[in-house]
Protein backbone atom coordinates (compact mmCIF):
# COMPACT_ATOMS: atom_id res chain seq x y z
CA UNK A 1 137.25 109.09 79.53
CA UNK A 2 133.77 108.54 78.08
CA UNK A 3 131.26 106.78 80.33
CA UNK A 4 129.98 103.43 79.08
CA UNK A 5 127.68 100.56 79.98
CA UNK A 6 128.13 96.82 80.32
CA UNK A 7 124.84 95.02 79.59
CA UNK A 8 125.18 91.22 79.23
CA UNK A 9 121.58 90.65 80.36
CA UNK A 10 120.07 87.13 80.29
CA UNK A 11 122.82 85.65 78.13
CA UNK A 12 123.34 82.47 80.18
CA UNK A 13 126.75 83.72 81.26
CA UNK A 14 128.50 81.32 83.63
CA UNK A 15 131.49 81.48 85.91
CA UNK A 16 132.57 84.33 88.15
CA UNK A 17 133.24 88.01 87.56
CA UNK A 18 136.98 88.80 87.47
CA UNK A 19 137.77 91.20 90.34
CA UNK A 20 139.81 93.28 87.91
CA UNK A 21 136.69 94.22 85.94
CA UNK A 22 135.63 97.17 88.03
CA UNK A 23 139.22 98.14 88.75
CA UNK A 24 139.91 98.60 85.05
CA UNK A 25 136.53 99.96 83.96
CA UNK A 26 136.45 102.90 86.32
CA UNK A 27 134.17 105.01 84.08
CA UNK A 28 131.44 102.39 84.04
CA UNK A 29 127.99 103.99 84.38
CA UNK A 30 125.71 100.92 84.04
CA UNK A 31 126.60 97.37 85.04
CA UNK A 32 123.65 95.12 84.27
CA UNK A 33 124.29 91.38 84.54
CA UNK A 34 120.74 90.41 85.44
CA UNK A 35 119.48 86.88 84.85
CA UNK A 36 122.60 84.87 84.16
CA UNK A 37 124.26 81.90 85.88
CA UNK A 38 127.10 83.80 87.47
CA UNK A 39 128.66 82.55 90.71
CA UNK A 40 131.20 83.67 93.26
CA UNK A 41 131.38 87.10 94.90
CA UNK A 42 129.77 90.26 93.58
CA UNK A 43 132.08 92.70 91.82
CA UNK A 44 133.07 95.66 93.96
CA UNK A 45 131.56 99.06 93.23
CA UNK A 46 134.39 100.88 95.03
CA UNK A 47 135.93 103.54 92.84
CA UNK A 48 133.15 103.56 90.23
CA UNK A 49 132.46 107.26 90.55
CA UNK A 50 130.11 107.38 87.54
CA UNK A 51 128.05 104.28 88.32
CA UNK A 52 124.28 104.86 88.15
CA UNK A 53 122.88 101.31 87.83
CA UNK A 54 124.18 98.10 89.39
CA UNK A 55 121.94 95.12 88.58
CA UNK A 56 123.11 91.61 89.47
CA UNK A 57 119.69 90.12 90.15
CA UNK A 58 118.75 86.49 89.48
CA UNK A 59 122.19 84.90 89.45
CA UNK A 60 123.93 82.58 91.88
CA UNK A 61 126.27 85.02 93.59
CA UNK A 62 127.48 84.24 97.11
CA UNK A 63 129.38 86.13 99.76
CA UNK A 64 128.68 89.63 101.04
CA UNK A 65 125.84 91.61 99.52
CA UNK A 66 127.52 95.01 99.66
CA UNK A 67 131.02 94.87 98.19
CA UNK A 68 132.85 98.16 98.13
CA UNK A 69 130.11 100.30 99.64
CA UNK A 70 132.57 101.94 102.00
CA UNK A 71 134.73 103.17 99.13
CA UNK A 72 132.31 103.96 96.32
CA UNK A 73 131.08 107.33 95.16
CA UNK A 74 127.84 108.47 96.75
CA UNK A 75 126.89 110.99 94.06
CA UNK A 76 125.58 108.94 91.13
CA UNK A 77 124.20 105.52 92.11
CA UNK A 78 120.46 105.37 91.47
CA UNK A 79 119.70 101.64 91.32
CA UNK A 80 121.23 98.86 93.40
CA UNK A 81 119.61 95.53 92.55
CA UNK A 82 120.94 92.22 93.84
CA UNK A 83 117.75 90.26 94.56
CA UNK A 84 117.45 86.50 94.09
CA UNK A 85 120.97 85.33 94.80
CA UNK A 86 122.56 83.62 97.80
CA UNK A 87 124.13 86.70 99.35
CA UNK A 88 124.64 87.41 103.03
CA UNK A 89 125.85 90.14 105.37
CA UNK A 90 124.17 93.20 106.82
CA UNK A 91 122.95 96.46 105.30
CA UNK A 92 125.86 98.86 105.94
CA UNK A 93 125.33 102.23 107.58
CA UNK A 94 127.10 103.70 104.54
CA UNK A 95 123.83 103.22 102.68
CA UNK A 96 122.98 106.70 103.94
CA UNK A 97 125.65 108.21 101.69
CA UNK A 98 123.88 107.16 98.49
CA UNK A 99 121.49 110.07 98.44
CA UNK A 100 120.58 109.65 94.76
CA UNK A 101 119.40 106.06 95.24
CA UNK A 102 115.90 105.35 93.93
CA UNK A 103 115.80 101.55 93.70
CA UNK A 104 117.12 99.38 96.52
CA UNK A 105 116.39 95.74 95.70
CA UNK A 106 118.05 93.12 97.92
CA UNK A 107 115.21 90.60 98.30
CA UNK A 108 115.45 86.81 98.33
CA UNK A 109 118.88 86.52 99.92
CA UNK A 110 120.24 85.71 103.39
CA UNK A 111 120.81 89.25 104.64
CA UNK A 112 120.62 89.65 108.42
CA UNK A 113 120.74 92.41 111.02
CA UNK A 114 118.77 95.62 111.28
CA UNK A 115 117.59 98.16 108.76
CA UNK A 116 119.95 101.07 109.53
CA UNK A 117 118.41 104.39 110.47
CA UNK A 118 120.62 106.02 107.83
CA UNK A 119 118.15 104.82 105.21
CA UNK A 120 116.10 107.87 106.15
CA UNK A 121 118.63 110.07 104.33
CA UNK A 122 117.72 108.53 100.97
CA UNK A 123 114.86 110.88 100.27
CA UNK A 124 114.72 109.99 96.56
CA UNK A 125 113.97 106.32 97.22
CA UNK A 126 111.01 105.04 95.21
CA UNK A 127 111.18 101.25 95.48
CA UNK A 128 112.57 99.29 98.45
CA UNK A 129 112.49 95.51 98.12
CA UNK A 130 114.11 93.89 101.15
CA UNK A 131 111.73 90.95 101.59
CA UNK A 132 112.56 87.26 102.07
CA UNK A 133 115.68 87.76 104.12
CA UNK A 134 116.37 87.40 107.86
CA UNK A 135 116.28 91.05 108.89
CA UNK A 136 115.54 91.75 112.54
CA UNK A 137 114.67 94.68 114.77
CA UNK A 138 112.26 97.53 114.06
CA UNK A 139 111.54 99.44 110.91
CA UNK A 140 113.39 102.68 111.72
CA UNK A 141 111.28 105.75 112.43
CA UNK A 142 113.49 107.62 109.95
CA UNK A 143 111.50 105.88 107.22
CA UNK A 144 108.99 108.70 107.73
CA UNK A 145 111.36 110.93 105.75
CA UNK A 146 111.00 108.90 102.54
CA UNK A 147 108.15 110.98 101.14
CA UNK A 148 108.70 109.75 97.56
CA UNK A 149 108.29 106.07 98.42
CA UNK A 150 106.09 104.16 95.96
CA UNK A 151 106.62 100.50 96.90
CA UNK A 152 107.99 99.11 100.17
CA UNK A 153 108.30 95.32 100.49
CA UNK A 154 109.77 94.07 103.77
CA UNK A 155 107.70 90.95 104.26
CA UNK A 156 108.95 87.53 105.35
CA UNK A 157 111.64 88.72 107.70
CA UNK A 158 111.79 88.79 111.51
CA UNK A 159 111.00 92.47 111.98
CA UNK A 160 109.58 93.63 115.31
CA UNK A 161 108.18 96.77 116.90
CA UNK A 162 105.76 99.45 115.76
CA UNK A 163 105.22 100.86 112.30
CA UNK A 164 106.65 104.35 111.64
CA UNK A 165 103.90 106.84 112.46
CA UNK A 166 103.93 108.57 109.08
CA UNK A 167 103.92 105.57 106.79
CA UNK A 168 100.31 106.14 105.68
CA UNK A 169 100.96 109.78 104.82
CA UNK A 170 103.07 109.04 101.73
CA UNK A 171 101.01 110.40 98.85
CA UNK A 172 102.86 108.30 96.25
CA UNK A 173 102.69 104.99 98.13
CA UNK A 174 100.93 102.28 96.11
CA UNK A 175 102.16 99.00 97.64
CA UNK A 176 103.04 98.20 101.25
CA UNK A 177 103.84 94.59 102.06
CA UNK A 178 104.93 93.82 105.62
CA UNK A 179 103.28 90.46 106.14
CA UNK A 180 104.89 87.49 107.89
CA UNK A 181 106.93 89.38 110.46
CA UNK A 182 106.51 89.94 114.19
CA UNK A 183 105.38 93.56 114.06
CA UNK A 184 103.00 94.83 116.73
CA UNK A 185 101.26 97.90 118.08
CA UNK A 186 98.39 99.78 116.52
CA UNK A 187 98.24 100.82 112.89
CA UNK A 188 99.15 104.48 112.40
CA UNK A 189 96.58 107.09 111.50
CA UNK A 190 97.14 108.39 107.99
CA UNK A 191 95.63 110.80 105.51
CA UNK A 192 97.81 110.69 102.40
CA UNK A 193 98.05 107.09 101.14
CA UNK A 194 94.89 107.30 99.06
CA UNK A 195 96.56 105.73 96.03
CA UNK A 196 97.27 102.44 97.79
CA UNK A 197 96.59 99.39 95.63
CA UNK A 198 98.13 96.72 97.88
CA UNK A 199 98.20 96.59 101.69
CA UNK A 200 99.55 93.29 103.02
CA UNK A 201 99.92 93.19 106.81
CA UNK A 202 98.81 89.64 107.62
CA UNK A 203 100.56 87.31 110.07
CA UNK A 204 101.83 89.90 112.52
CA UNK A 205 100.62 90.99 115.97
CA UNK A 206 98.92 94.31 115.21
CA UNK A 207 96.23 95.50 117.63
CA UNK A 208 93.65 98.27 117.71
CA UNK A 209 91.25 99.33 115.02
CA UNK A 210 91.82 99.75 111.31
CA UNK A 211 92.69 103.34 110.33
CA UNK A 212 89.94 105.65 109.10
CA UNK A 213 91.81 106.64 105.94
CA UNK A 214 90.84 103.27 104.44
CA UNK A 215 87.40 104.77 103.93
CA UNK A 216 88.87 107.18 101.38
CA UNK A 217 91.01 104.75 99.36
CA UNK A 218 89.44 104.19 95.97
CA UNK A 219 92.22 102.15 94.32
CA UNK A 220 92.82 99.39 96.85
CA UNK A 221 93.00 96.03 95.10
CA UNK A 222 94.42 93.68 97.75
CA UNK A 223 93.65 94.23 101.44
CA UNK A 224 95.17 91.53 103.66
CA UNK A 225 95.27 92.05 107.43
CA UNK A 226 94.37 88.57 108.64
CA UNK A 227 95.96 86.72 111.56
CA UNK A 228 96.55 89.72 113.78
CA UNK A 229 94.73 90.98 116.90
CA UNK A 230 92.74 93.77 115.32
CA UNK A 231 89.47 94.92 116.86
CA UNK A 232 86.59 97.19 115.90
CA UNK A 233 84.37 96.74 112.88
CA UNK A 234 84.96 95.77 109.26
CA UNK A 235 85.80 98.90 107.27
CA UNK A 236 83.91 99.89 104.16
CA UNK A 237 86.55 100.54 101.50
CA UNK A 238 85.07 102.34 98.47
CA UNK A 239 87.32 100.74 95.87
CA UNK A 240 86.01 99.48 92.54
CA UNK A 241 89.25 97.54 92.11
CA UNK A 242 89.01 95.39 95.25
CA UNK A 243 89.84 91.75 94.48
CA UNK A 244 91.23 90.25 97.70
CA UNK A 245 89.71 91.21 101.09
CA UNK A 246 91.12 89.27 104.04
CA UNK A 247 90.47 90.10 107.71
CA UNK A 248 90.46 86.51 108.99
CA UNK A 249 91.40 85.50 112.54
CA UNK A 250 91.20 88.83 114.32
CA UNK A 251 88.82 90.16 116.97
CA UNK A 252 86.49 92.14 114.74
CA UNK A 253 82.91 92.69 115.88
CA UNK A 254 79.66 94.05 114.49
CA UNK A 255 77.83 93.10 111.34
CA UNK A 256 79.03 92.47 107.81
CA UNK A 257 78.55 95.72 105.89
CA UNK A 258 76.37 95.12 102.80
CA UNK A 259 78.40 97.72 100.88
CA UNK A 260 81.34 95.33 100.74
CA UNK A 261 79.51 93.39 98.00
CA UNK A 262 78.50 96.41 95.96
CA UNK A 263 81.67 98.44 95.54
CA UNK A 264 83.69 96.06 93.42
CA UNK A 265 82.67 93.77 90.61
CA UNK A 266 86.20 92.35 90.81
CA UNK A 267 85.95 90.91 94.35
CA UNK A 268 87.17 87.31 94.15
CA UNK A 269 88.38 86.37 97.65
CA UNK A 270 86.52 87.39 100.83
CA UNK A 271 87.84 85.94 104.07
CA UNK A 272 85.95 87.02 107.21
CA UNK A 273 86.32 83.85 109.27
CA UNK A 274 87.58 83.59 112.83
CA UNK A 275 86.21 86.85 114.20
CA UNK A 276 83.26 87.81 116.44
CA UNK A 277 80.90 89.01 113.75
CA UNK A 278 77.19 89.02 114.52
CA UNK A 279 73.93 89.58 112.71
CA UNK A 280 72.73 88.13 109.40
CA UNK A 281 74.50 87.45 106.13
CA UNK A 282 73.68 90.48 103.96
CA UNK A 283 71.06 89.50 101.39
CA UNK A 284 72.99 91.22 98.57
CA UNK A 285 76.05 88.96 98.83
CA UNK A 286 75.16 87.44 95.49
CA UNK A 287 75.90 90.74 93.75
CA UNK A 288 79.64 90.07 94.05
CA UNK A 289 79.60 88.42 90.64
CA UNK A 290 83.29 87.43 90.53
CA UNK A 291 83.42 85.93 94.02
CA UNK A 292 85.40 82.68 94.20
CA UNK A 293 86.06 82.12 97.94
CA UNK A 294 83.64 83.29 100.67
CA UNK A 295 84.63 82.22 104.19
CA UNK A 296 82.32 83.15 107.09
CA UNK A 297 83.05 80.28 109.46
CA UNK A 298 83.84 80.67 113.16
CA UNK A 299 81.78 83.77 113.87
CA UNK A 300 78.47 84.42 115.65
CA UNK A 301 76.28 85.00 112.63
CA UNK A 302 72.54 84.47 112.99
CA UNK A 303 69.47 84.17 110.80
CA UNK A 304 68.92 82.15 107.67
CA UNK A 305 71.20 81.86 104.65
CA UNK A 306 69.82 84.19 101.96
CA UNK A 307 68.94 82.89 98.54
CA UNK A 308 70.74 84.32 95.50
CA UNK A 309 69.44 85.44 92.16
CA UNK A 310 69.67 83.39 89.01
CA UNK A 311 73.08 83.75 87.38
CA UNK A 312 74.77 85.02 90.56
CA UNK A 313 77.99 83.61 92.04
CA UNK A 314 78.67 81.35 89.08
CA UNK A 315 82.40 81.37 89.90
CA UNK A 316 81.99 80.53 93.61
CA UNK A 317 84.27 77.63 94.51
CA UNK A 318 84.34 77.59 98.33
CA UNK A 319 81.54 78.77 100.64
CA UNK A 320 82.27 78.04 104.32
CA UNK A 321 79.54 78.80 106.87
CA UNK A 322 80.19 76.41 109.75
CA UNK A 323 80.56 77.29 113.44
CA UNK A 324 77.96 80.02 113.47
CA UNK A 325 74.37 80.21 114.75
CA UNK A 326 72.64 80.12 111.40
CA UNK A 327 69.26 78.45 110.97
CA UNK A 328 66.86 77.31 108.26
CA UNK A 329 67.06 75.51 104.96
CA UNK A 330 70.04 75.88 102.65
CA UNK A 331 68.54 77.76 99.68
CA UNK A 332 68.03 75.77 96.49
CA UNK A 333 69.73 78.59 94.58
CA UNK A 334 72.90 77.98 96.59
CA UNK A 335 72.67 74.20 96.20
CA UNK A 336 72.36 74.69 92.45
CA UNK A 337 75.88 76.12 92.40
CA UNK A 338 77.17 72.59 93.04
CA UNK A 339 76.45 71.95 89.37
CA UNK A 340 78.79 74.80 88.45
CA UNK A 341 82.00 75.78 90.24
CA UNK A 342 81.08 75.18 93.90
CA UNK A 343 83.30 72.40 95.28
CA UNK A 344 83.11 73.12 99.03
CA UNK A 345 79.91 74.04 100.88
CA UNK A 346 80.39 73.59 104.61
CA UNK A 347 77.81 74.40 107.27
CA UNK A 348 76.41 73.28 110.62
CA UNK A 349 74.08 70.60 109.31
CA UNK A 350 74.88 67.76 111.74
CA UNK A 351 71.94 67.29 114.17
CA UNK A 352 71.10 69.04 116.44
CA UNK A 353 72.37 71.87 114.27
CA UNK A 354 69.73 74.20 112.86
CA UNK A 355 70.76 74.33 109.19
CA UNK A 356 69.03 71.80 106.96
CA UNK A 357 71.24 70.77 104.08
CA UNK A 358 71.49 67.43 102.32
CA UNK A 359 75.00 66.05 102.57
CA UNK A 360 76.28 65.07 99.17
CA UNK A 361 73.72 66.59 96.85
CA UNK A 362 74.13 70.06 98.38
CA UNK A 363 76.51 70.48 101.31
CA UNK A 364 79.88 68.77 101.07
CA UNK A 365 80.58 68.75 104.80
CA UNK A 366 78.38 68.97 107.88
CA UNK A 367 79.70 70.22 111.20
CA UNK A 368 78.47 70.18 114.77
CA UNK A 369 78.08 73.75 115.97
CA UNK A 370 81.07 73.55 118.32
CA UNK A 371 83.44 71.33 116.33
CA UNK A 372 86.48 73.40 115.24
CA UNK A 373 88.79 70.46 114.69
CA UNK A 374 88.83 70.71 110.91
CA UNK A 375 87.76 74.32 110.46
CA UNK A 376 89.80 76.57 108.19
């Protein structure tokens, strides 16, 4: 009656799993068949009272994604991983019985229906990967009970409704990816998620201002909230790790905070286009030494384009400035970047526009001030 494990991981196994396997091996504690070429239905976990890990990721399984959930033990299962198959079905309400579950990975399948409210009973959950499915409905408010959550990926579904009010109070939360859904409402106020490294909320319908707690996050690496309906000003996020900052296509107002260029020497992608930003381009923008993409187009920026110091922005590849109210001569120090990595320099240099920039030797595309037909 000794417990044992079955671990044929990444062995190019083919064919299907005999249904008798889990009927005979009732004392199985770990079933790990990750990364093979297995087909057919998943083996049932019903009756496996000692099972702690079930990993069938990265195969070619078909059929229902939750075989035997209604008859399996709820006392031992800690990891259920079936991502990257061709599985279907809905998340059963019986998920709430698996109170020891820490990893719930069902991404990259064809799972439909709602996230059941019973998920709130799984207070030991650490990692929830349910992205790239066809889930619908709201994220249940019971998610607020998952205080130990570290990573929650639910992006690229058809989720709707508001975010749970306590989602930014999880002190262990490092990654939250909810992009490419149909979520709406304002972003919750939070105080605890100061260890966030990744916040991906782009391509939804969020409104209101960005939460104040962002001003206390010092580990944020990727901040993507573009293509929503957010208002207010651009937040200053004091993170030395910031690499990707994207607030494009919202309704943000005010000026560009100079501090955004000083906090992180790792900032590579800065997308501010498609808002209602005013005022000048901060003169210290050249201090973002790793910057690769800098998009400012389709705002209401004024003043001249500041020069940069020698040796600055040597990695800059795309600098888009068109559809603003900028004036003056394109600085020679910016034009000189065309001899390095700068492939795209777009501005309003078609007469009667006010920016003077030679097309070809400096700017790569000139726009009329009101021509948005090819703007990014």
